[in-house]
Amino acid sequence: MVILKKIDEVRAQVKEWKKQGLTVGLVPTMGYLHEGHQSLIKKSVEQNDRTVVSVFVNPIQFGPNEDLESYPRDLEADAKLCESTGADIIFNPEPEEMYADGFVSFINMTGLPNALCGLTRPIHFKGVCTVVGKLFNIVTPDRAYFGQKDAQQLAIIMRMVKDLNFDIEIVGCPIIREADGLAKSSRNIYLTPEERKAAVVLSKAVKLGQDMIADGERDAAKIVGEMKKLISAEPLATIDYVEMVNMDTMQSIEKAEGHVLCAMAVKFGKARLIDNFIAEL
């Protein structure tokens, strides 16, 4: 496995692979990799001849008061995980490699980003779409892998690929959780021991919502209300949102039917954590 820093180096290697008739998978990440990322890399290695993992903390998806500077980074550990999992390249560019002086071209979207995380992070998905679009053009993968934990992001990327005719298959992969249920996240490192214990309330709320639907409840407001009540009972939790929406449009729904996403963002100290479940009803 090699670590490449330059766009031209990645393009040259991928072109060589494609001359040999090899398929290429891409796993876009911001690094500080954990078992959730590893599951995406494993899936790519299973489904493709070669796998590229991008490790890039993308500055244009962070707002002015967010954690760009403090976002955890550990390229050495990332490289060990990638190599042991079977990746072939880590693409680890500097910001100036991805965004040259005078950069003014962005991929923006209406509708889907204007809900859930997009309400409190208004520039976030514009930055995500732009960097992912650039990675697609640089790596030209056959398939790209994204986790369900970032369900809104997954829906947005799938729509972008459809709308802009990227010849890429998007593969969504399940949420990977700790033994006690907390969804794996690079930002979990921000949690104090007390906040870490409290954060388990997110997966408990997920289970509560799933159980209510399994028991036949279809009133979205009632399901969300009970989930909020459970989370609010945890003193260290501050709810950003808990919402039930249509997975394809991100529009709020009154009844749990069709392709449903129930998503939440909750703050514990300086950590803002997300979790969700998807139901097909």
Protein backbone atom coordinates (compact mmCIF):
# COMPACT_ATOMS: atom_id res chain seq x y z
CA MET A 1 0.00 0.00 0.00
CA VAL A 2 1.19 3.53 -0.78
CA ILE A 3 0.29 7.01 0.44
CA LEU A 4 -0.04 9.50 -2.39
CA LYS A 5 -0.32 13.26 -1.91
CA LYS A 6 -0.76 14.49 -5.48
CA ILE A 7 -3.77 14.28 -7.78
CA ASP A 8 -1.61 13.41 -10.80
CA GLU A 9 -0.06 10.46 -8.93
CA VAL A 10 -3.46 9.00 -8.12
CA ARG A 11 -4.73 9.51 -11.65
CA ALA A 12 -1.66 7.83 -13.15
CA GLN A 13 -2.00 4.76 -10.94
CA VAL A 14 -5.74 4.40 -11.55
CA LYS A 15 -5.22 4.72 -15.32
CA GLU A 16 -2.67 1.91 -15.15
CA TRP A 17 -5.10 -0.29 -13.23
CA LYS A 18 -7.87 0.39 -15.71
CA LYS A 19 -5.58 -0.47 -18.63
CA GLN A 20 -5.27 -3.86 -16.96
CA GLY A 21 -9.07 -4.17 -16.77
CA LEU A 22 -9.16 -3.84 -12.97
CA THR A 23 -12.11 -2.41 -11.05
CA VAL A 24 -11.59 0.38 -8.52
CA GLY A 25 -13.41 1.17 -5.29
CA LEU A 26 -13.23 4.49 -3.43
CA VAL A 27 -13.80 5.05 0.28
CA PRO A 28 -13.90 8.82 1.00
CA THR A 29 -13.01 9.65 4.63
CA MET A 30 -11.71 12.48 6.78
CA GLY A 31 -9.37 10.08 8.54
CA TYR A 32 -9.01 9.06 12.19
CA LEU A 33 -10.34 5.76 10.97
CA HIS A 34 -12.29 3.33 13.13
CA GLU A 35 -14.18 0.05 12.65
CA GLY A 36 -16.97 1.87 10.81
CA HIS A 37 -14.56 3.08 8.14
CA GLN A 38 -12.91 -0.34 8.15
CA SER A 39 -16.23 -1.97 7.26
CA LEU A 40 -16.44 0.28 4.18
CA ILE A 41 -12.89 -0.60 3.16
CA LYS A 42 -13.60 -4.33 3.61
CA LYS A 43 -16.68 -4.07 1.39
CA SER A 44 -14.67 -2.25 -1.27
CA VAL A 45 -11.90 -4.85 -1.14
CA GLU A 46 -14.51 -7.61 -1.51
CA GLN A 47 -16.20 -5.99 -4.50
CA ASN A 48 -13.26 -4.46 -6.40
CA ASP A 49 -9.78 -5.38 -7.62
CA ARG A 50 -8.23 -2.24 -6.14
CA THR A 51 -9.29 0.17 -3.36
CA VAL A 52 -8.44 3.83 -2.82
CA VAL A 53 -9.10 5.41 0.59
CA SER A 54 -9.07 9.19 0.67
CA VAL A 55 -7.99 10.75 3.97
CA PHE A 56 -8.73 14.46 3.77
CA VAL A 57 -10.17 16.81 6.38
CA ASN A 58 -12.16 18.93 3.96
CA PRO A 59 -12.03 22.57 5.06
CA ILE A 60 -14.94 23.80 2.93
CA GLN A 61 -17.52 21.64 4.74
CA PHE A 62 -16.77 23.19 8.16
CA GLY A 63 -18.56 26.29 9.39
CA PRO A 64 -16.70 29.14 11.15
CA ASN A 65 -17.40 27.86 14.66
CA GLU A 66 -16.89 24.16 13.96
CA ASP A 67 -14.03 21.79 14.74
CA LEU A 68 -11.82 22.02 11.62
CA GLU A 69 -8.61 22.69 13.55
CA SER A 70 -9.33 20.23 16.36
CA TYR A 71 -10.73 17.42 14.19
CA PRO A 72 -8.69 14.34 15.16
CA ARG A 73 -5.93 13.24 12.80
CA ASP A 74 -3.62 10.21 12.91
CA LEU A 75 -2.34 9.26 9.45
CA GLU A 76 0.06 6.63 10.83
CA ALA A 77 -2.77 4.71 12.50
CA ASP A 78 -4.98 5.22 9.45
CA ALA A 79 -2.28 3.70 7.24
CA LYS A 80 -1.98 0.62 9.45
CA LEU A 81 -5.73 0.05 9.37
CA CYS A 82 -5.93 0.55 5.61
CA GLU A 83 -3.02 -1.76 4.89
CA SER A 84 -4.29 -4.51 7.20
CA THR A 85 -7.73 -4.30 5.59
CA GLY A 86 -6.41 -4.58 2.04
CA ALA A 87 -6.51 -1.03 0.66
CA ASP A 88 -4.04 -0.22 -2.10
CA ILE A 89 -3.74 3.59 -1.92
CA ILE A 90 -4.33 6.28 0.66
CA PHE A 91 -4.90 9.60 -1.09
CA ASN A 92 -3.90 12.23 1.49
CA PRO A 93 -3.73 15.61 -0.26
CA GLU A 94 -3.04 18.97 1.31
CA PRO A 95 -5.89 21.52 1.11
CA GLU A 96 -4.01 23.57 -1.48
CA GLU A 97 -3.75 20.47 -3.70
CA MET A 98 -7.53 20.11 -3.71
CA TYR A 99 -8.36 23.84 -3.75
CA ALA A 100 -5.87 25.85 -5.76
CA ASP A 101 -5.63 29.62 -5.39
CA GLY A 102 -8.72 31.28 -6.79
CA PHE A 103 -10.92 28.19 -6.44
CA VAL A 104 -14.54 29.28 -7.09
CA SER A 105 -16.38 26.20 -8.44
CA PHE A 106 -18.76 24.31 -6.14
CA ILE A 107 -21.42 21.63 -6.38
CA ASN A 108 -24.57 22.81 -4.66
CA MET A 109 -27.99 21.22 -4.31
CA THR A 110 -31.47 22.42 -3.42
CA GLY A 111 -33.99 20.51 -1.36
CA LEU A 112 -32.20 17.60 0.29
CA PRO A 113 -29.60 19.69 2.19
CA ASN A 114 -32.27 22.04 3.58
CA ALA A 115 -33.26 19.76 6.44
CA LEU A 116 -31.78 17.86 9.41
CA CYS A 117 -28.04 18.65 9.64
CA GLY A 118 -28.32 21.21 6.86
CA LEU A 119 -30.46 23.50 9.00
CA THR A 120 -27.71 24.14 11.55
CA ARG A 121 -24.78 23.52 9.16
CA PRO A 122 -25.83 25.55 6.10
CA ILE A 123 -22.56 25.25 4.13
CA HIS A 124 -21.83 21.65 5.08
CA PHE A 125 -23.34 19.72 2.20
CA LYS A 126 -22.14 22.19 -0.42
CA GLY A 127 -18.64 21.37 0.82
CA VAL A 128 -19.35 17.63 0.94
CA CYS A 129 -20.75 17.50 -2.59
CA THR A 130 -17.85 19.54 -3.96
CA VAL A 131 -15.12 17.42 -2.42
CA VAL A 132 -16.83 14.14 -3.25
CA GLY A 133 -17.38 15.31 -6.83
CA LYS A 134 -13.69 16.17 -7.08
CA LEU A 135 -12.71 12.78 -5.65
CA PHE A 136 -14.96 11.04 -8.17
CA ASN A 137 -13.25 12.94 -11.00
CA ILE A 138 -9.77 12.24 -9.65
CA VAL A 139 -10.18 8.54 -8.83
CA THR A 140 -12.89 7.63 -11.40
CA PRO A 141 -13.99 4.66 -9.27
CA ASP A 142 -16.43 1.98 -10.34
CA ARG A 143 -17.98 2.04 -6.85
CA ALA A 144 -17.84 4.38 -3.86
CA TYR A 145 -18.70 3.49 -0.26
CA PHE A 146 -20.54 5.56 2.34
CA GLY A 147 -21.89 4.70 5.80
CA GLN A 148 -25.54 4.79 6.79
CA LYS A 149 -24.62 6.71 9.97
CA ASP A 150 -24.42 9.78 7.73
CA ALA A 151 -27.79 8.95 6.17
CA GLN A 152 -28.53 12.44 4.86
CA GLN A 153 -25.10 12.57 3.26
CA LEU A 154 -25.71 9.16 1.66
CA ALA A 155 -29.03 10.33 0.20
CA ILE A 156 -27.45 13.54 -1.09
CA ILE A 157 -24.52 11.74 -2.73
CA MET A 158 -26.86 9.25 -4.39
CA ARG A 159 -28.95 12.12 -5.77
CA MET A 160 -25.85 14.00 -6.96
CA VAL A 161 -24.61 10.92 -8.80
CA LYS A 162 -27.99 10.51 -10.48
CA ASP A 163 -28.42 14.18 -11.37
CA LEU A 164 -24.87 14.73 -12.66
CA ASN A 165 -24.59 11.35 -14.43
CA PHE A 166 -21.53 10.10 -12.59
CA ASP A 167 -20.88 6.56 -13.85
CA ILE A 168 -20.39 5.27 -10.31
CA GLU A 169 -22.30 2.81 -8.13
CA ILE A 170 -22.89 4.17 -4.63
CA VAL A 171 -22.83 1.47 -1.95
CA GLY A 172 -24.39 2.29 1.43
CA CYS A 173 -23.08 0.28 4.37
CA PRO A 174 -24.65 -0.37 7.81
CA ILE A 175 -23.87 1.58 10.98
CA ILE A 176 -21.12 -0.04 13.06
CA ARG A 177 -21.65 0.25 16.82
CA GLU A 178 -19.71 -0.15 20.03
CA ALA A 179 -20.66 -3.09 22.28
CA ASP A 180 -23.04 -0.84 24.25
CA GLY A 181 -24.72 0.47 21.10
CA LEU A 182 -23.03 3.85 20.54
CA ALA A 183 -22.43 4.43 16.83
CA LYS A 184 -18.74 4.51 15.92
CA SER A 185 -17.59 8.06 15.19
CA SER A 186 -14.26 9.87 14.99
CA ARG A 187 -15.83 12.57 17.15
CA ASN A 188 -16.45 10.12 20.02
CA ILE A 189 -12.92 11.01 21.14
CA TYR A 190 -14.28 14.39 22.29
CA LEU A 191 -16.47 12.74 24.94
CA THR A 192 -15.51 12.78 28.61
CA PRO A 193 -16.07 9.47 30.46
CA GLU A 194 -19.37 10.80 31.82
CA GLU A 195 -20.50 12.02 28.39
CA ARG A 196 -19.49 8.70 26.85
CA LYS A 197 -21.83 6.85 29.22
CA ALA A 198 -24.60 9.36 28.58
CA ALA A 199 -24.25 9.11 24.79
CA VAL A 200 -25.62 5.56 24.83
CA VAL A 201 -29.05 7.22 25.07
CA LEU A 202 -28.86 7.75 21.29
CA SER A 203 -28.88 4.05 20.46
CA LYS A 204 -31.57 3.54 23.12
CA ALA A 205 -33.70 6.13 21.34
CA VAL A 206 -33.07 4.38 18.02
CA LYS A 207 -34.25 1.09 19.50
CA LEU A 208 -37.30 2.76 21.03
CA GLY A 209 -38.32 4.18 17.66
CA GLN A 210 -37.74 0.87 15.90
CA ASP A 211 -39.74 -1.00 18.55
CA MET A 212 -42.66 1.43 18.26
CA ILE A 213 -42.78 0.93 14.50
CA ALA A 214 -42.47 -2.85 14.93
CA ASP A 215 -45.46 -2.70 17.32
CA GLY A 216 -47.52 -0.97 14.64
CA GLU A 217 -47.18 2.72 15.55
CA ARG A 218 -47.22 4.92 12.45
CA ASP A 219 -47.77 8.41 13.91
CA ALA A 220 -44.42 10.11 13.21
CA ALA A 221 -44.97 12.85 15.81
CA LYS A 222 -45.71 10.29 18.50
CA ILE A 223 -42.64 8.20 17.70
CA VAL A 224 -40.37 11.25 17.58
CA GLY A 225 -41.95 12.63 20.76
CA GLU A 226 -41.18 9.49 22.73
CA MET A 227 -37.62 9.41 21.41
CA LYS A 228 -37.11 13.07 22.39
CA LYS A 229 -38.53 12.39 25.84
CA LEU A 230 -36.02 9.57 26.36
CA ILE A 231 -33.07 11.69 25.20
CA SER A 232 -34.17 14.76 27.17
CA ALA A 233 -34.18 12.69 30.37
CA GLU A 234 -30.37 12.47 30.04
CA PRO A 235 -28.98 15.64 31.71
CA LEU A 236 -25.81 15.75 29.58
CA ALA A 237 -27.71 15.57 26.28
CA THR A 238 -28.78 18.66 24.31
CA ILE A 239 -30.97 17.88 21.33
CA ASP A 240 -30.19 19.57 18.02
CA TYR A 241 -32.94 17.67 16.23
CA VAL A 242 -34.87 14.41 16.17
CA GLU A 243 -36.89 14.11 12.97
CA MET A 244 -38.70 11.57 10.84
CA VAL A 245 -38.47 12.26 7.11
CA ASN A 246 -38.84 10.62 3.75
CA MET A 247 -35.42 9.14 2.96
CA ASP A 248 -35.55 10.17 -0.69
CA THR A 249 -36.69 13.79 -0.25
CA MET A 250 -35.69 14.63 3.36
CA GLN A 251 -39.17 16.16 3.77
CA SER A 252 -40.93 15.77 7.13
CA ILE A 253 -43.71 13.20 7.24
CA GLU A 254 -46.76 12.80 9.42
CA LYS A 255 -47.07 9.05 8.97
CA ALA A 256 -44.33 6.43 9.00
CA GLU A 257 -44.78 4.86 5.61
CA GLY A 258 -42.66 4.28 2.53
CA HIS A 259 -38.89 4.88 2.69
CA VAL A 260 -38.49 6.39 6.16
CA LEU A 261 -35.45 7.91 7.86
CA CYS A 262 -35.58 8.74 11.56
CA ALA A 263 -32.47 10.80 12.33
CA MET A 264 -31.08 12.72 15.27
CA ALA A 265 -28.22 15.02 16.20
CA VAL A 266 -27.47 15.51 19.89
CA LYS A 267 -24.69 17.41 21.66
CA PHE A 268 -22.75 16.03 24.60
CA GLY A 269 -20.31 18.72 25.71
CA LYS A 270 -18.35 19.73 22.60
CA ALA A 271 -19.26 16.56 20.71
CA ARG A 272 -22.18 16.68 18.29
CA LEU A 273 -23.19 13.10 17.54
CA ILE A 274 -25.62 11.72 14.99
CA ASP A 275 -27.55 8.46 14.80
CA ASN A 276 -30.51 7.11 12.84
CA PHE A 277 -32.51 4.22 11.61
CA ILE A 278 -34.09 3.56 8.22
CA ALA A 279 -37.35 1.67 7.73
CA GLU A 280 -39.13 0.46 4.61
CA LEU A 281 -42.85 0.40 5.40
